[in-house]
């Protein structure tokens, strides 16, 4: 497992997005209001792309 450097934390009411960086790229993790952690396992070329995907995870989880 690669080492991650936490580079950004974004918050929404009840939700937290963490963006991490490694040699392979950027990843995102979403913490739900009930403390479930969502992650798609993908690496992104920019932190913005990772953050956008995290927002999609939130939207998908809310629609579920």
Protein backbone atom coordinates (compact mmCIF):
# COMPACT_ATOMS: atom_id res chain seq x y z
CA UNK A 1 0.00 0.00 0.00
CA UNK A 2 1.46 3.38 -0.96
CA UNK A 3 2.04 6.16 1.54
CA UNK A 4 -0.46 9.01 1.24
CA UNK A 5 0.02 12.67 2.01
CA UNK A 6 -3.22 14.34 3.08
CA UNK A 7 -3.48 17.47 0.98
CA UNK A 8 -7.06 18.68 1.36
CA UNK A 9 -10.17 18.26 3.48
CA UNK A 10 -13.53 19.50 2.22
CA UNK A 11 -16.64 19.59 4.36
CA UNK A 12 -20.35 19.61 3.64
CA UNK A 13 -23.09 19.46 6.27
CA UNK A 14 -22.58 16.00 7.78
CA UNK A 15 -20.03 14.90 5.15
CA UNK A 16 -16.22 15.07 4.92
CA UNK A 17 -14.04 14.59 1.83
CA UNK A 18 -10.35 13.81 2.23
CA UNK A 19 -7.95 14.10 -0.71
CA UNK A 20 -4.63 12.30 -0.55
CA UNK A 21 -1.58 12.28 -2.83
CA UNK A 22 0.86 9.49 -3.60
CA UNK A 23 3.33 8.70 -6.38
CA UNK A 24 0.46 7.09 -8.30
CA UNK A 25 -1.78 10.18 -8.21
CA UNK A 26 -4.60 11.59 -6.08
CA UNK A 27 -7.33 9.66 -4.27
CA UNK A 28 -10.47 10.65 -2.43
CA UNK A 29 -12.31 9.28 0.55
CA UNK A 30 -15.79 10.35 1.63
CA UNK A 31 -16.94 10.09 5.24
CA UNK A 32 -20.75 9.89 5.48
CA UNK A 33 -22.86 11.26 8.34
CA UNK A 34 -22.93 7.74 9.87
CA UNK A 35 -19.09 7.45 9.54
CA UNK A 36 -19.14 5.03 6.62
CA UNK A 37 -16.10 5.58 4.38
CA UNK A 38 -16.68 5.61 0.64
CA UNK A 39 -13.82 5.15 -1.83
CA UNK A 40 -13.79 4.12 -5.50
CA UNK A 41 -10.18 2.91 -5.41
CA UNK A 42 -9.17 5.03 -8.42
CA UNK A 43 -6.19 7.36 -8.80
CA UNK A 44 -6.65 10.77 -10.45
CA UNK A 45 -4.17 13.08 -12.15
CA UNK A 46 -5.30 16.18 -10.23
CA UNK A 47 -6.73 16.89 -6.80
CA UNK A 48 -9.63 18.66 -8.48
CA UNK A 49 -10.55 15.50 -10.39
CA UNK A 50 -10.44 13.51 -7.14
CA UNK A 51 -12.64 16.10 -5.40
CA UNK A 52 -15.15 16.06 -8.26
CA UNK A 53 -15.37 12.29 -8.03
CA UNK A 54 -15.92 12.53 -4.28
CA UNK A 55 -18.85 14.87 -4.92
CA UNK A 56 -20.27 12.25 -7.31
CA UNK A 57 -19.90 9.60 -4.60
CA UNK A 58 -21.88 11.79 -2.23
CA UNK A 59 -24.60 12.36 -4.83
CA UNK A 60 -24.80 8.65 -5.65
CA UNK A 61 -24.92 7.67 -1.97
CA UNK A 62 -27.70 10.17 -1.27
CA UNK A 63 -29.74 8.86 -4.23
CA UNK A 64 -29.33 5.28 -3.02
